[in-house]
Amino acid sequence: MTTIDPCAELKARIAEIKERFAVESVDATVTVRRDDGLYRHLEVNMPKSSAYWCEVMTWPGALAITGHTGSHVFRRDDDMIAFFRQCMVPHGPAWDVDTRYWAEKVQPHGERNVQAYAEDRVRAYIKQAAEEGEASHPGLVDEVEEELFSRYSRADLETEAGAKAALAAFEFDGFRFDTTGWEFTEYDYWFIYTCQVIAWTVAQYDARVPVAA
């Protein structure tokens, strides 16, 4: 599998979301409802975004965000605002953040909490594998189309479990799918967006409450 690059896909998705966030964060505001040491309650309003409202709350050892972007709890350092502050870099009106690193801090199961089935990628894997196997297994591409892709197929490629079951059951002229190295999941779109919201919120909070030298 040489033409499918999940890392490149992730970079492209992040770039797309950053561009979207740069537009949707215009006129956004942060209201500080509570600011008591490590106990904070920040209300974010984004009138130009479909995720137009969320809250960010911190307490010792944790940061929670909830609202139209979804709900996540992060745990890492005693002061999670300081944690996020030190691992984000401004990039125009958006931010460069380490999505994988931040995902590891989501409770209770790390990145498993923020990944979704990558149906389009799995379909691309199947198509590429069939095309590569066609020379040694003539008719493979047509069989895959009939058994996995056609409207009459009983294969369920819309879920990860269904796709894995269909792939395991498929056999044609000695050909079986080898899914070693296939990445069946990708980061949820709204989690990537949430990372931008958190970074932006921290920056807005710092602008209101300057960081001590």
Protein backbone atom coordinates (compact mmCIF):
# COMPACT_ATOMS: atom_id res chain seq x y z
CA MET A 1 0.00 0.00 0.00
CA THR A 2 2.02 2.92 -1.26
CA THR A 3 -0.53 5.53 -2.31
CA ILE A 4 -2.58 5.77 0.90
CA ASP A 5 -0.92 7.90 3.56
CA PRO A 6 -2.96 8.41 6.78
CA CYS A 7 -0.39 10.91 8.06
CA ALA A 8 -0.76 13.04 4.95
CA GLU A 9 -4.55 12.73 5.25
CA LEU A 10 -4.38 13.97 8.84
CA LYS A 11 -2.22 16.95 7.88
CA ALA A 12 -4.67 17.86 5.13
CA ARG A 13 -7.65 17.59 7.48
CA ILE A 14 -5.91 19.70 10.12
CA ALA A 15 -5.08 22.35 7.52
CA GLU A 16 -8.70 22.39 6.35
CA ILE A 17 -10.02 22.70 9.90
CA LYS A 18 -7.54 25.44 10.80
CA GLU A 19 -8.68 27.41 7.75
CA ARG A 20 -12.30 26.93 8.78
CA PHE A 21 -11.58 27.90 12.37
CA ALA A 22 -9.76 31.06 11.26
CA VAL A 23 -12.99 32.22 9.60
CA GLU A 24 -15.38 31.03 12.28
CA SER A 25 -13.44 32.45 15.23
CA VAL A 26 -13.86 36.03 13.97
CA ASP A 27 -16.03 37.92 16.48
CA ALA A 28 -15.80 35.03 18.95
CA THR A 29 -15.60 35.91 22.63
CA VAL A 30 -14.50 34.34 25.90
CA THR A 31 -16.32 35.25 29.09
CA VAL A 32 -14.56 34.38 32.33
CA ARG A 33 -17.21 33.14 34.72
CA ARG A 34 -14.76 31.98 37.37
CA ASP A 35 -11.03 32.49 37.81
CA ASP A 36 -9.92 31.14 41.16
CA GLY A 37 -6.42 29.70 40.90
CA LEU A 38 -6.68 26.35 39.15
CA TYR A 39 -10.48 26.55 39.23
CA ARG A 40 -11.69 28.29 36.08
CA HIS A 41 -14.91 28.50 34.10
CA LEU A 42 -14.64 30.04 30.65
CA GLU A 43 -17.61 30.47 28.31
CA VAL A 44 -16.85 30.57 24.59
CA ASN A 45 -19.27 32.07 22.09
CA MET A 46 -18.57 31.73 18.36
CA PRO A 47 -21.46 33.33 16.45
CA LYS A 48 -20.02 32.48 13.02
CA SER A 49 -19.50 28.78 13.77
CA SER A 50 -21.97 25.90 13.75
CA ALA A 51 -20.22 24.94 17.00
CA TYR A 52 -21.27 28.30 18.31
CA TRP A 53 -20.98 27.72 22.04
CA CYS A 54 -18.91 25.73 24.51
CA GLU A 55 -17.53 25.91 28.04
CA VAL A 56 -14.00 25.26 29.24
CA MET A 57 -13.53 24.36 32.89
CA THR A 58 -10.38 23.51 34.82
CA TRP A 59 -9.64 22.12 38.23
CA PRO A 60 -6.42 20.65 39.63
CA GLY A 61 -5.13 18.11 37.14
CA ALA A 62 -7.90 18.41 34.56
CA LEU A 63 -9.51 20.47 31.82
CA ALA A 64 -12.98 19.76 30.48
CA ILE A 65 -14.58 21.20 27.37
CA THR A 66 -18.25 20.69 26.60
CA GLY A 67 -20.69 22.11 24.10
CA HIS A 68 -21.34 21.91 20.40
CA THR A 69 -17.84 20.65 19.63
CA GLY A 70 -18.40 17.62 21.85
CA SER A 71 -17.33 16.87 25.40
CA HIS A 72 -13.83 15.82 26.44
CA VAL A 73 -11.81 15.71 29.66
CA PHE A 74 -8.03 16.05 29.47
CA ARG A 75 -5.64 15.12 32.27
CA ARG A 76 -1.90 15.68 32.38
CA ASP A 77 -0.55 18.45 34.64
CA ASP A 78 -1.85 20.20 37.72
CA ASP A 79 -2.51 23.35 35.70
CA MET A 80 -3.94 22.28 32.35
CA ILE A 81 -4.08 25.83 30.99
CA ALA A 82 -0.31 25.97 31.47
CA PHE A 83 0.04 22.55 29.86
CA PHE A 84 -1.82 23.55 26.71
CA ARG A 85 -0.11 26.94 26.63
CA GLN A 86 3.34 25.38 26.42
CA CYS A 87 2.53 23.02 23.58
CA MET A 88 0.74 25.22 21.06
CA VAL A 89 2.19 27.58 18.48
CA PRO A 90 0.31 30.49 16.86
CA HIS A 91 -0.13 30.16 13.11
CA GLY A 92 -1.97 33.22 11.88
CA PRO A 93 -5.46 33.24 13.38
CA ALA A 94 -5.25 29.48 14.07
CA TRP A 95 -2.81 27.28 15.97
CA ASP A 96 -0.32 24.50 15.42
CA VAL A 97 -0.97 21.78 17.98
CA ASP A 98 0.18 18.18 18.31
CA THR A 99 -3.14 16.41 17.76
CA ARG A 100 -1.79 12.96 18.62
CA TYR A 101 -0.15 14.17 21.84
CA TRP A 102 -3.28 16.00 22.97
CA ALA A 103 -5.43 12.97 22.13
CA GLU A 104 -3.32 10.85 24.48
CA LYS A 105 -4.44 13.08 27.38
CA VAL A 106 -8.17 12.49 26.82
CA GLN A 107 -9.83 10.47 29.55
CA PRO A 108 -10.44 7.61 30.04
CA HIS A 109 -8.94 5.83 27.02
CA GLY A 110 -6.76 8.39 25.27
CA GLU A 111 -6.99 8.59 21.51
CA ARG A 112 -9.54 5.74 21.38
CA ASN A 113 -12.06 8.29 22.70
CA VAL A 114 -11.56 10.63 19.76
CA GLN A 115 -11.22 8.34 16.75
CA ALA A 116 -13.86 7.33 14.24
CA TYR A 117 -14.06 4.70 11.53
CA ALA A 118 -12.38 5.90 8.32
CA GLU A 119 -14.74 4.41 5.74
CA ASP A 120 -13.35 6.26 2.72
CA ARG A 121 -9.82 5.15 3.55
CA VAL A 122 -10.86 1.52 4.01
CA ARG A 123 -12.63 1.56 0.65
CA ALA A 124 -9.45 2.97 -0.90
CA TYR A 125 -7.38 0.20 0.74
CA ILE A 126 -9.73 -2.44 -0.71
CA LYS A 127 -9.69 -0.93 -4.19
CA GLN A 128 -5.90 -0.65 -4.23
CA ALA A 129 -5.38 -4.19 -2.95
CA ALA A 130 -7.72 -5.54 -5.63
CA GLU A 131 -5.96 -3.63 -8.38
CA GLU A 132 -2.57 -4.86 -7.19
CA GLY A 133 -3.83 -8.45 -7.06
CA GLU A 134 -5.58 -8.42 -10.44
CA ALA A 135 -2.52 -9.58 -12.43
CA SER A 136 -2.11 -12.79 -10.44
CA HIS A 137 -5.84 -13.25 -9.82
CA PRO A 138 -7.68 -12.24 -13.04
CA GLY A 139 -11.22 -11.14 -12.32
CA LEU A 140 -10.42 -10.01 -8.78
CA VAL A 141 -11.38 -6.38 -9.37
CA ASP A 142 -14.79 -7.37 -10.75
CA GLU A 143 -15.35 -9.80 -7.87
CA VAL A 144 -14.51 -7.16 -5.29
CA GLU A 145 -16.86 -4.73 -7.00
CA GLU A 146 -19.66 -7.30 -6.96
CA GLU A 147 -19.13 -8.69 -3.46
CA LEU A 148 -18.07 -5.58 -1.55
CA PHE A 149 -19.01 -2.43 -3.44
CA SER A 150 -22.15 -3.09 -5.46
CA ARG A 151 -25.59 -1.98 -4.33
CA TYR A 152 -26.54 -5.64 -4.04
CA SER A 153 -23.65 -6.53 -1.77
CA ARG A 154 -24.41 -7.78 1.73
CA ALA A 155 -21.06 -6.48 2.99
CA ASP A 156 -21.27 -3.75 5.61
CA LEU A 157 -18.49 -1.29 4.85
CA GLU A 158 -20.15 1.49 6.82
CA THR A 159 -18.83 0.26 10.18
CA GLU A 160 -15.40 -0.89 11.28
CA ALA A 161 -16.70 -4.22 12.60
CA GLY A 162 -18.68 -4.84 9.44
CA ALA A 163 -15.75 -4.02 7.19
CA LYS A 164 -13.37 -6.28 9.09
CA ALA A 165 -15.90 -9.13 8.96
CA ALA A 166 -16.44 -8.67 5.21
CA LEU A 167 -12.71 -8.57 4.52
CA ALA A 168 -12.06 -11.67 6.62
CA ALA A 169 -14.80 -13.57 4.79
CA PHE A 170 -13.74 -12.56 1.28
CA GLU A 171 -11.89 -15.15 -0.84
CA PHE A 172 -11.38 -15.32 -4.59
CA ASP A 173 -9.18 -17.79 -6.45
CA GLY A 174 -6.86 -18.10 -3.45
CA PHE A 175 -6.76 -14.35 -2.82
CA ARG A 176 -7.50 -13.06 0.66
CA PHE A 177 -7.08 -9.54 1.93
CA ASP A 178 -4.01 -8.88 4.07
CA THR A 179 -4.97 -5.90 6.23
CA THR A 180 -1.65 -5.71 8.05
CA GLY A 181 -0.76 -2.06 8.36
CA TRP A 182 -4.23 -0.80 7.45
CA GLU A 183 -5.41 2.05 9.68
CA PHE A 184 -9.15 1.69 10.09
CA THR A 185 -9.68 4.82 12.18
CA GLU A 186 -8.96 8.53 12.00
CA TYR A 187 -9.29 11.41 14.42
CA ASP A 188 -12.83 12.66 14.72
CA TYR A 189 -13.35 15.92 12.82
CA TRP A 190 -14.79 17.72 15.81
CA PHE A 191 -11.95 16.64 18.07
CA ILE A 192 -9.48 18.33 15.72
CA TYR A 193 -11.71 21.39 15.73
CA THR A 194 -11.88 21.23 19.53
CA CYS A 195 -8.08 21.38 19.71
CA GLN A 196 -8.24 24.69 17.85
CA VAL A 197 -10.95 25.93 20.21
CA ILE A 198 -8.86 25.06 23.26
CA ALA A 199 -5.73 26.73 21.90
CA TRP A 200 -7.66 29.85 20.96
CA THR A 201 -9.42 29.95 24.33
CA VAL A 202 -6.14 29.67 26.22
CA ALA A 203 -4.72 32.54 24.15
CA GLN A 204 -7.79 34.69 24.84
CA TYR A 205 -7.60 33.88 28.54
CA ASP A 206 -3.92 34.81 28.63
CA ALA A 207 -4.66 38.09 26.86
CA ARG A 208 -7.11 38.93 29.63
CA VAL A 209 -5.04 37.50 32.46
CA PRO A 210 -1.37 37.97 31.50
CA VAL A 211 0.97 35.09 32.34
CA ALA A 212 3.32 35.96 35.20
CA ALA A 213 6.94 36.40 34.11
